[in-house]
Amino acid sequence: MKLKTKLMKTGQMILMFSGCFFLAGSVFAQHNHSGMVMKKDTSGHEMNDHNTMEMHDMDKMQKHDSTGGMKMHMSHAFSLSLPMNRNGSGTGWQPDATPMYAYMKHASKWNYMLHGSVYLRYTSQNFNNDNKKGSSAKVSVPNYVMGMAQRQVGKNGLLTLRSMISLDRIFDGGSGYPLLFQSGETWKGKALIDRQHPHDLISELAVGYTHRISQKIDVSLYAGYPGEPALGPTAFMHRMSAFNNPDAVLGHHWQDATHITFGVVTAGVRYGKFKVEASGFTGREPNENRFNFDKPRFDSYSYRLSFNPSANWALQASHGYIKSPETNHPDENVNRTTASVQHSILLGDKNRWLSSSLVYGLNDSGKDHRENSLLAESNLQLDKWSVYGRYEWVQKSTEELDLISHDENHDKKYPVSAFTLGLNRQLFSFSNTLLQAGVQASFYAIDKDLQASYGKNPVSGQVYLRLTPGLMRM
């Protein structure tokens, strides 16, 4: 009876939340374009097969609106000379060939885009080792909605407004959802272990301005409260290689956890295929109150070099000093180093594409507190069907996994490997909105010393329904 009541309440909430997509789809869908890969724009200008255009053609993507004024199609969030497909989270880059699932609307001066994802799922962790650590099952609803508004200022200025909201705290509670070997942040003063923390209601509220010096050179300024500094790759929930996977990566707090930071300012310069950025931001991770705005501190810094050699590739390397990220360890600072390679390729003129990412992350807290992580993930989309996978390797300490009572060496590191395989199928679409169903399983290889706590060869699985905007037609 308790499970039935919980399912009914969850279903009611998911219907309310999904209404946002239905209404947005109805409003925005009529403004979508008619084809995924466009050879010519409305003015007859050629475009390439990677859903991008040459830089010198960007200014030509203007047309007169009904009042005789000029209407600008949406470009990249931080460059009038780059395609919007390069947009990642924060100020990060993705490959230009990255497909986009979103609603879009063009007005006389402003352009708007909305995207997001809502899952309704049942997840069971470590189900083959009952009564062992991390064994847990739950109906959960991972979700987010992100919006962007953009307008040109004069001939060479670009103003961008962005916001992101998540109802994780309402749907999944303060401790988030079960996820074997995940760690990071707290609930009721205790570290979250074998669980993924919920995201804040307001996960991004940011403004950016970019000035074009020439077709090859842009200078930009980004400020968010909250926002994302120039540190790490595009956050997992926005990477197309993780498009159909509901779970956060186990190396989240080694790679891209700073995607929600309460107070950040980033300055960047792009020259051709390269971009250099530097950020000042708040190192402390969000507190347990997911509905407030945490105190801005600006006590940390980062810098990042991004390079997109072609339409199919995006590379970045970054480093950051993060002051006191964890509430339970206020005297511990972290030096984080990341590197990543993202690749996307379109496999025809329909909804067929392949996107992959390789990500490395290192947390160095001084002395022997150096922990590494590695991630490789891919998503193969074949119209209505999708096959996706993820391999993760991360070093977790005794303290990180709350195993201090079993081992007096608090700093001992345990390697954890996880392989995830999933299958996703589109059920139907409406108003440029997709309803999908999926199933996935995760298999873990762990150190022998962990088997006393977690059991042998842990396995986790889940089934889900997902609501997301359809492929944005170009």
Protein backbone atom coordinates (compact mmCIF):
# COMPACT_ATOMS: atom_id res chain seq x y z
CA MET A 1 0.00 0.00 0.00
CA LYS A 2 2.82 2.41 0.83
CA LEU A 3 4.47 1.73 -2.52
CA LYS A 4 1.17 2.17 -4.35
CA THR A 5 0.50 5.50 -2.62
CA LYS A 6 4.04 6.67 -3.35
CA LEU A 7 3.68 5.71 -7.01
CA MET A 8 0.39 7.61 -7.27
CA LYS A 9 1.88 10.75 -5.72
CA THR A 10 4.97 10.50 -7.90
CA GLY A 11 2.81 10.07 -10.98
CA GLN A 12 0.81 13.19 -10.12
CA MET A 13 3.98 15.23 -9.68
CA ILE A 14 5.51 13.96 -12.89
CA LEU A 15 2.35 14.89 -14.80
CA MET A 16 2.50 18.41 -13.40
CA PHE A 17 6.17 18.76 -14.25
CA SER A 18 5.78 17.25 -17.71
CA GLY A 19 3.09 19.83 -18.43
CA CYS A 20 5.94 22.30 -18.80
CA PHE A 21 7.23 20.30 -21.77
CA PHE A 22 3.80 19.91 -23.33
CA LEU A 23 3.00 23.61 -23.14
CA ALA A 24 6.48 24.62 -24.24
CA GLY A 25 6.33 22.17 -27.12
CA SER A 26 2.99 23.56 -28.28
CA VAL A 27 4.31 27.12 -28.21
CA PHE A 28 7.79 26.53 -29.59
CA ALA A 29 7.27 23.67 -32.05
CA GLN A 30 5.63 25.83 -34.70
CA HIS A 31 8.85 27.86 -34.86
CA ASN A 32 11.09 24.85 -35.48
CA HIS A 33 12.66 24.41 -38.89
CA SER A 34 11.87 21.60 -41.24
CA GLY A 35 14.99 19.43 -41.60
CA MET A 36 17.84 18.12 -39.50
CA VAL A 37 20.68 18.58 -41.99
CA MET A 38 20.13 21.69 -44.06
CA LYS A 39 22.09 22.25 -47.23
CA LYS A 40 20.86 25.79 -47.79
CA ASP A 41 19.37 28.43 -45.54
CA THR A 42 16.39 30.59 -46.51
CA SER A 43 18.72 32.93 -48.38
CA GLY A 44 20.28 30.11 -50.38
CA HIS A 45 23.62 30.07 -48.56
CA GLU A 46 25.34 26.69 -48.42
CA MET A 47 25.77 24.84 -45.14
CA ASN A 48 27.93 21.79 -44.49
CA ASP A 49 26.88 18.25 -43.56
CA HIS A 50 27.70 18.74 -39.88
CA ASN A 51 24.78 21.06 -39.23
CA THR A 52 27.18 24.01 -39.09
CA MET A 53 28.12 26.88 -41.33
CA GLU A 54 31.29 28.66 -42.26
CA MET A 55 32.04 31.58 -39.97
CA HIS A 56 31.74 34.14 -42.74
CA ASP A 57 28.17 32.96 -43.40
CA MET A 58 26.91 33.61 -39.86
CA ASP A 59 26.05 37.22 -40.57
CA LYS A 60 24.08 36.09 -43.63
CA MET A 61 21.74 34.05 -41.46
CA GLN A 62 19.54 37.09 -40.99
CA LYS A 63 16.22 37.77 -42.63
CA HIS A 64 13.57 40.46 -42.55
CA ASP A 65 10.67 39.90 -40.19
CA SER A 66 7.10 40.97 -40.93
CA THR A 67 7.82 44.50 -39.79
CA GLY A 68 10.80 44.90 -42.09
CA GLY A 69 13.36 44.60 -39.29
CA MET A 70 16.22 42.12 -39.16
CA LYS A 71 15.71 38.83 -37.35
CA MET A 72 18.82 36.97 -36.19
CA HIS A 73 18.86 33.19 -35.94
CA MET A 74 20.35 31.83 -32.74
CA SER A 75 24.13 31.45 -32.79
CA HIS A 76 26.46 30.05 -30.18
CA ALA A 77 25.80 31.49 -26.71
CA PHE A 78 29.22 33.19 -26.64
CA SER A 79 30.04 33.88 -30.27
CA LEU A 80 28.27 35.39 -33.26
CA SER A 81 30.71 33.46 -35.46
CA LEU A 82 30.01 29.94 -34.18
CA PRO A 83 27.00 27.58 -34.50
CA MET A 84 24.72 27.02 -31.53
CA ASN A 85 25.40 23.26 -31.65
CA ARG A 86 28.74 23.99 -29.98
CA ASN A 87 26.95 25.12 -26.81
CA GLY A 88 27.83 23.03 -23.77
CA SER A 89 27.06 23.66 -20.11
CA GLY A 90 28.41 26.91 -18.70
CA THR A 91 30.84 28.34 -21.26
CA GLY A 92 32.11 24.92 -22.40
CA TRP A 93 32.27 23.65 -25.96
CA GLN A 94 30.86 20.55 -27.62
CA PRO A 95 31.50 19.38 -31.22
CA ASP A 96 29.67 21.39 -33.88
CA ALA A 97 28.16 18.14 -35.16
CA THR A 98 26.35 17.60 -31.84
CA PRO A 99 22.58 17.15 -32.34
CA MET A 100 20.29 19.29 -30.24
CA TYR A 101 16.98 18.30 -28.65
CA ALA A 102 15.13 21.48 -27.77
CA TYR A 103 12.28 23.86 -28.45
CA MET A 104 13.16 27.09 -30.23
CA LYS A 105 11.39 30.35 -30.96
CA HIS A 106 12.60 33.31 -33.00
CA ALA A 107 11.29 36.82 -32.26
CA SER A 108 12.17 40.15 -33.87
CA LYS A 109 15.06 40.83 -31.48
CA TRP A 110 15.27 37.88 -29.09
CA ASN A 111 15.72 34.17 -29.75
CA TYR A 112 14.66 31.57 -27.19
CA MET A 113 15.55 27.95 -26.57
CA LEU A 114 14.26 25.48 -23.99
CA HIS A 115 15.44 21.95 -23.30
CA GLY A 116 15.45 19.47 -20.44
CA SER A 117 14.62 15.96 -19.35
CA VAL A 118 12.26 14.22 -16.92
CA TYR A 119 12.63 10.54 -15.98
CA LEU A 120 10.12 8.42 -14.10
CA ARG A 121 11.95 5.26 -13.12
CA TYR A 122 12.40 2.36 -10.76
CA THR A 123 16.02 1.76 -9.82
CA SER A 124 17.46 -1.11 -7.77
CA GLN A 125 21.09 -0.98 -6.63
CA ASN A 126 23.26 -3.98 -5.69
CA PHE A 127 20.16 -6.18 -5.96
CA ASN A 128 22.17 -9.41 -6.09
CA ASN A 129 23.67 -8.79 -2.65
CA ASP A 130 20.75 -8.33 -0.26
CA ASN A 131 21.51 -6.64 3.06
CA LYS A 132 24.91 -5.53 1.79
CA LYS A 133 26.09 -1.94 1.61
CA GLY A 134 24.39 0.11 -1.10
CA SER A 135 21.55 -2.36 -1.59
CA SER A 136 18.55 -0.10 -2.14
CA ALA A 137 15.55 0.36 -4.45
CA LYS A 138 13.46 3.43 -5.15
CA VAL A 139 11.06 5.12 -7.54
CA SER A 140 12.91 8.30 -8.51
CA VAL A 141 12.44 11.25 -10.86
CA PRO A 142 15.73 12.82 -12.06
CA ASN A 143 14.85 16.03 -13.90
CA TYR A 144 15.90 19.46 -15.11
CA VAL A 145 14.70 22.22 -17.45
CA MET A 146 17.07 24.77 -18.97
CA GLY A 147 16.19 27.92 -20.89
CA MET A 148 18.21 30.45 -22.86
CA ALA A 149 17.39 33.86 -24.34
CA GLN A 150 19.73 35.62 -26.73
CA ARG A 151 19.89 38.83 -28.72
CA GLN A 152 22.42 40.70 -30.80
CA VAL A 153 23.59 44.07 -29.48
CA GLY A 154 24.70 46.32 -32.28
CA LYS A 155 26.74 44.71 -35.04
CA ASN A 156 29.24 42.79 -32.91
CA GLY A 157 27.71 42.36 -29.44
CA LEU A 158 25.85 39.32 -28.15
CA LEU A 159 23.82 39.15 -24.93
CA THR A 160 22.83 35.76 -23.51
CA LEU A 161 20.61 34.97 -20.51
CA ARG A 162 20.46 31.43 -19.13
CA SER A 163 18.64 29.61 -16.37
CA MET A 164 18.22 26.05 -15.19
CA ILE A 165 15.81 24.61 -12.64
CA SER A 166 15.49 21.15 -11.12
CA LEU A 167 12.80 19.64 -8.91
CA ASP A 168 15.11 16.87 -7.70
CA ARG A 169 14.67 17.92 -4.08
CA ILE A 170 10.88 17.72 -4.31
CA PHE A 171 10.71 14.42 -6.16
CA ASP A 172 13.65 12.50 -4.66
CA GLY A 173 14.04 14.09 -1.23
CA GLY A 174 17.10 15.55 0.44
CA SER A 175 19.20 12.41 0.06
CA GLY A 176 18.61 12.09 -3.68
CA TYR A 177 18.45 8.74 -5.44
CA PRO A 178 20.36 5.46 -4.84
CA LEU A 179 23.53 5.06 -6.93
CA LEU A 180 26.07 2.43 -5.94
CA PHE A 181 29.57 3.79 -5.10
CA GLN A 182 28.51 7.41 -5.64
CA SER A 183 29.69 9.96 -3.07
CA GLY A 184 29.67 13.70 -2.49
CA GLU A 185 27.79 16.37 -0.49
CA THR A 186 25.67 15.75 2.63
CA TRP A 187 22.19 15.23 4.03
CA LYS A 188 21.36 15.95 7.68
CA GLY A 189 25.04 16.50 8.35
CA LYS A 190 26.11 13.07 7.13
CA ALA A 191 28.04 12.40 3.93
CA LEU A 192 25.97 10.98 1.07
CA ILE A 193 27.40 7.59 0.11
CA ASP A 194 25.93 5.21 -2.46
CA ARG A 195 23.53 8.02 -3.37
CA GLN A 196 23.47 10.88 -5.87
CA HIS A 197 22.61 14.22 -4.25
CA PRO A 198 19.67 16.27 -5.59
CA HIS A 199 20.38 19.40 -7.58
CA ASP A 200 19.28 22.85 -6.45
CA LEU A 201 15.95 24.31 -7.54
CA ILE A 202 17.84 27.17 -9.22
CA SER A 203 20.85 25.45 -10.74
CA GLU A 204 21.86 28.28 -13.06
CA LEU A 205 20.97 31.95 -13.30
CA ALA A 206 23.53 33.59 -15.52
CA VAL A 207 24.23 36.38 -17.98
CA GLY A 208 26.92 36.52 -20.65
CA TYR A 209 28.16 39.18 -23.03
CA THR A 210 30.45 38.58 -25.99
CA HIS A 211 32.05 41.12 -28.30
CA ARG A 212 33.27 40.06 -31.71
CA ILE A 213 36.60 41.62 -32.64
CA SER A 214 36.73 39.74 -35.94
CA GLN A 215 35.42 36.48 -37.35
CA LYS A 216 38.27 34.68 -35.57
CA ILE A 217 38.40 36.63 -32.32
CA ASP A 218 35.78 36.97 -29.55
CA VAL A 219 36.10 38.26 -26.01
CA SER A 220 33.42 37.22 -23.53
CA LEU A 221 32.35 37.69 -19.92
CA TYR A 222 30.03 35.31 -18.05
CA ALA A 223 28.60 35.73 -14.54
CA GLY A 224 26.36 33.28 -12.70
CA TYR A 225 24.65 33.05 -9.33
CA PRO A 226 24.60 30.12 -9.55
CA GLY A 227 26.67 29.27 -12.60
CA GLU A 228 29.50 27.09 -13.87
CA PRO A 229 33.22 27.99 -13.90
CA ALA A 230 35.68 27.05 -16.65
CA LEU A 231 36.57 23.71 -15.13
CA GLY A 232 35.95 20.29 -16.63
CA PRO A 233 34.01 19.07 -19.66
CA THR A 234 30.36 19.70 -20.44
CA ALA A 235 28.41 18.44 -17.41
CA PHE A 236 27.08 14.89 -17.67
CA MET A 237 23.41 15.84 -17.99
CA HIS A 238 24.17 17.99 -21.06
CA ARG A 239 26.57 15.61 -22.86
CA MET A 240 25.02 13.83 -25.81
CA SER A 241 27.18 10.79 -25.08
CA ALA A 242 25.10 10.47 -21.89
CA PHE A 243 21.85 11.56 -23.54
CA ASN A 244 19.72 8.56 -22.52
CA ASN A 245 21.41 7.65 -19.22
CA PRO A 246 19.50 8.88 -16.13
CA ASP A 247 22.44 8.38 -13.72
CA ALA A 248 25.18 10.80 -12.73
CA VAL A 249 28.70 9.54 -13.38
CA LEU A 250 30.60 8.05 -10.43
CA GLY A 251 33.46 10.47 -11.10
CA HIS A 252 31.11 13.46 -10.93
CA HIS A 253 33.04 15.06 -8.05
CA TRP A 254 36.31 14.45 -9.88
CA GLN A 255 35.24 15.81 -13.25
CA ASP A 256 32.25 18.15 -13.55
CA ALA A 257 30.71 18.75 -10.08
CA THR A 258 31.31 22.52 -10.26
CA HIS A 259 28.47 22.91 -12.78
CA ILE A 260 26.42 24.43 -9.93
CA THR A 261 28.46 27.10 -8.13
CA PHE A 262 26.95 29.95 -6.14
CA GLY A 263 28.96 32.81 -7.52
CA VAL A 264 31.18 32.66 -10.61
CA VAL A 265 32.72 35.10 -13.09
CA THR A 266 34.50 33.83 -16.22
CA ALA A 267 36.46 35.80 -18.81
CA GLY A 268 37.33 34.18 -22.12
CA VAL A 269 39.10 34.86 -25.39
CA ARG A 270 38.54 32.82 -28.54
CA TYR A 271 41.01 32.80 -31.38
CA GLY A 272 39.91 30.62 -34.27
CA LYS A 273 39.59 27.03 -33.07
CA PHE A 274 40.98 27.78 -29.59
CA LYS A 275 39.52 29.39 -26.49
CA VAL A 276 41.26 30.32 -23.24
CA GLU A 277 39.19 31.05 -20.09
CA ALA A 278 39.78 31.95 -16.46
CA SER A 279 37.23 31.89 -13.63
CA GLY A 280 36.88 33.09 -10.07
CA PHE A 281 34.19 31.25 -8.15
CA THR A 282 32.86 29.86 -4.87
CA GLY A 283 34.54 26.60 -3.92
CA ARG A 284 31.98 25.35 -1.41
CA GLU A 285 29.50 22.93 -2.93
CA PRO A 286 25.76 23.69 -2.53
CA ASN A 287 24.40 23.21 0.97
CA GLU A 288 21.52 20.97 2.01
CA ASN A 289 18.89 23.68 1.52
CA ARG A 290 18.20 23.22 -2.19
CA PHE A 291 15.77 26.14 -2.41
CA ASN A 292 17.99 29.02 -1.30
CA PHE A 293 20.96 30.95 -2.71
CA ASP A 294 24.18 30.08 -0.89
CA LYS A 295 26.65 32.73 0.20
CA PRO A 296 29.03 33.74 -2.62
CA ARG A 297 32.69 33.51 -1.55
CA PHE A 298 34.82 33.83 -4.70
CA ASP A 299 37.68 32.02 -2.97
CA SER A 300 38.60 29.63 -5.80
CA TYR A 301 39.89 29.87 -9.35
CA SER A 302 40.23 27.82 -12.53
CA TYR A 303 41.48 28.06 -16.09
CA ARG A 304 40.68 26.05 -19.21
CA LEU A 305 41.95 25.62 -22.76
CA SER A 306 39.41 24.42 -25.33
CA PHE A 307 40.18 23.30 -28.88
CA ASN A 308 37.75 22.19 -31.60
CA PRO A 309 39.93 20.98 -34.50
CA SER A 310 36.92 20.13 -36.68
CA ALA A 311 33.14 19.90 -36.57
CA ASN A 312 33.32 16.42 -35.02
CA TRP A 313 35.74 16.99 -32.15
CA ALA A 314 35.93 19.04 -28.93
CA LEU A 315 38.92 18.85 -26.57
CA GLN A 316 39.57 20.60 -23.29
CA ALA A 317 42.10 20.62 -20.46
CA SER A 318 41.51 22.52 -17.24
CA HIS A 319 42.76 23.01 -13.72
CA GLY A 320 41.17 24.55 -10.66
CA TYR A 321 41.92 25.33 -7.04
CA ILE A 322 38.76 24.63 -5.01
CA LYS A 323 38.71 25.97 -1.47
CA SER A 324 36.85 23.90 1.12
CA PRO A 325 34.38 22.18 -1.24
CA GLU A 326 32.94 19.76 1.34
CA THR A 327 31.04 20.98 4.42
CA ASN A 328 32.25 18.03 6.52
CA HIS A 329 35.90 18.81 5.67
CA PRO A 330 36.11 22.62 5.87
CA ASP A 331 39.92 22.61 6.16
CA GLU A 332 40.46 20.47 3.06
CA ASN A 333 41.12 22.20 -0.26
CA VAL A 334 41.23 20.42 -3.61
CA ASN A 335 43.32 20.91 -6.74
CA ARG A 336 41.29 19.44 -9.59
CA THR A 337 42.73 18.66 -13.02
CA THR A 338 40.59 17.44 -15.92
CA ALA A 339 41.01 16.58 -19.58
CA SER A 340 38.39 15.39 -22.04
CA VAL A 341 37.73 14.51 -25.66
CA GLN A 342 34.23 14.59 -27.14
CA HIS A 343 33.26 13.30 -30.57
CA SER A 344 29.97 13.50 -32.47
CA ILE A 345 29.04 12.40 -35.96
CA LEU A 346 25.75 12.44 -37.86
CA LEU A 347 24.87 9.15 -39.54
CA GLY A 348 22.47 10.41 -42.16
CA ASP A 349 19.71 12.94 -42.61
CA LYS A 350 17.41 11.49 -39.95
CA ASN A 351 17.70 11.07 -36.21
CA ARG A 352 20.83 8.94 -36.50
CA TRP A 353 24.04 9.90 -34.77
CA LEU A 354 26.87 8.70 -32.54
CA SER A 355 28.32 10.72 -29.69
CA SER A 356 31.20 9.67 -27.41
CA SER A 357 33.24 11.16 -24.56
CA LEU A 358 36.48 10.27 -22.83
CA VAL A 359 37.01 12.16 -19.53
CA TYR A 360 39.82 12.14 -16.96
CA GLY A 361 39.64 13.81 -13.56
CA LEU A 362 42.09 14.08 -10.65
CA ASN A 363 41.43 15.42 -7.14
CA ASP A 364 44.56 16.32 -5.19
CA SER A 365 44.03 17.33 -1.56
CA GLY A 366 47.70 17.22 -0.61
CA LYS A 367 49.97 14.59 0.96
CA ASP A 368 48.75 11.20 -0.27
CA HIS A 369 45.20 12.38 -0.99
CA ARG A 370 45.33 11.96 -4.78
CA GLU A 371 42.40 10.17 -6.38
CA ASN A 372 41.94 9.57 -10.12
CA SER A 373 38.90 8.90 -12.27
CA LEU A 374 38.32 7.86 -15.87
CA LEU A 375 35.13 7.78 -17.92
CA ALA A 376 34.33 6.49 -21.41
CA GLU A 377 30.73 6.70 -22.66
CA SER A 378 28.85 6.56 -25.97
CA ASN A 379 25.32 6.90 -27.28
CA LEU A 380 24.32 5.42 -30.64
CA GLN A 381 21.00 6.86 -31.84
CA LEU A 382 19.25 4.99 -34.66
CA ASP A 383 16.08 7.03 -35.06
CA LYS A 384 13.65 5.63 -32.50
CA TRP A 385 16.11 3.14 -30.99
CA SER A 386 19.19 3.94 -28.96
CA VAL A 387 21.97 1.79 -27.52
CA TYR A 388 24.30 3.40 -24.99
CA GLY A 389 27.11 2.41 -22.70
CA ARG A 390 29.41 3.79 -20.03
CA TYR A 391 32.65 2.54 -18.50
CA GLU A 392 33.88 4.16 -15.28
CA TRP A 393 36.97 3.71 -13.18
CA VAL A 394 37.41 5.76 -10.02
CA GLN A 395 39.52 5.60 -6.87
CA LYS A 396 37.50 5.95 -3.66
CA SER A 397 39.09 6.23 -0.23
CA THR A 398 38.09 4.38 2.92
CA GLU A 399 36.57 7.56 4.27
CA GLU A 400 34.86 8.34 0.96
CA LEU A 401 32.94 5.04 1.23
CA ASP A 402 32.42 5.26 5.01
CA LEU A 403 34.46 2.13 5.71
CA ILE A 404 36.55 3.59 8.54
CA SER A 405 35.26 1.03 11.04
CA HIS A 406 36.59 -1.75 8.82
CA ASP A 407 40.01 -0.25 8.13
CA GLU A 408 42.14 1.99 10.30
CA ASN A 409 43.83 3.49 7.23
CA HIS A 410 41.43 6.33 6.37
CA ASP A 411 43.36 7.22 3.21
CA LYS A 412 43.50 3.79 1.60
CA LYS A 413 42.23 3.95 -1.97
CA TYR A 414 39.99 1.33 -3.54
CA PRO A 415 39.62 1.09 -7.34
CA VAL A 416 36.02 0.71 -8.49
CA SER A 417 35.09 -0.19 -12.07
CA ALA A 418 31.57 0.01 -13.44
CA PHE A 419 30.19 -0.92 -16.86
CA THR A 420 26.69 0.22 -17.85
CA LEU A 421 24.70 -0.90 -20.89
CA GLY A 422 21.30 0.53 -21.81
CA LEU A 423 18.58 0.30 -24.45
CA ASN A 424 16.10 3.07 -25.19
CA ARG A 425 13.03 3.19 -27.46
CA GLN A 426 10.87 6.12 -28.51
CA LEU A 427 7.21 5.27 -27.86
CA PHE A 428 5.55 8.28 -29.49
CA SER A 429 5.90 12.02 -29.96
CA PHE A 430 3.61 15.02 -29.59
CA SER A 431 4.22 18.77 -30.05
CA ASN A 432 7.91 18.09 -30.73
CA THR A 433 8.10 16.21 -27.41
CA LEU A 434 9.27 12.61 -27.08
CA LEU A 435 8.12 9.89 -24.70
CA GLN A 436 10.72 7.16 -24.41
CA ALA A 437 11.10 3.90 -22.50
CA GLY A 438 14.41 2.42 -21.45
CA VAL A 439 16.18 -0.25 -19.46
CA GLN A 440 19.79 -0.39 -18.28
CA ALA A 441 22.05 -2.49 -16.09
CA SER A 442 25.37 -1.74 -14.36
CA PHE A 443 28.01 -4.31 -13.46
CA TYR A 444 30.78 -3.57 -10.95
CA ALA A 445 34.28 -4.97 -10.47
CA ILE A 446 35.59 -4.11 -7.00
CA ASP A 447 38.61 -4.71 -4.77
CA LYS A 448 38.54 -7.88 -2.69
CA ASP A 449 38.68 -5.78 0.46
CA LEU A 450 35.34 -4.20 -0.51
CA GLN A 451 33.51 -7.49 -0.90
CA ALA A 452 32.91 -7.87 2.83
CA SER A 453 30.82 -4.70 2.70
CA TYR A 454 29.35 -4.76 -0.81
CA GLY A 455 29.32 -8.45 -1.71
CA LYS A 456 30.69 -10.08 -4.85
CA ASN A 457 30.15 -8.65 -8.33
CA PRO A 458 27.42 -6.09 -7.49
CA VAL A 459 24.76 -5.51 -10.14
CA SER A 460 22.30 -2.62 -10.42
CA GLY A 461 19.43 -2.08 -12.83
CA GLN A 462 16.54 0.19 -13.71
CA VAL A 463 13.59 0.70 -16.02
CA TYR A 464 12.28 4.13 -16.92
CA LEU A 465 10.00 6.38 -18.91
CA ARG A 466 11.46 9.64 -20.16
CA LEU A 467 10.00 12.92 -21.43
CA THR A 468 12.28 15.18 -23.48
CA PRO A 469 12.04 17.71 -26.32
CA GLY A 470 12.39 16.29 -29.82
CA LEU A 471 15.30 16.77 -32.19
CA MET A 472 15.60 20.42 -33.08
CA ARG A 473 15.01 20.78 -36.80
CA MET A 474 17.46 23.04 -38.57
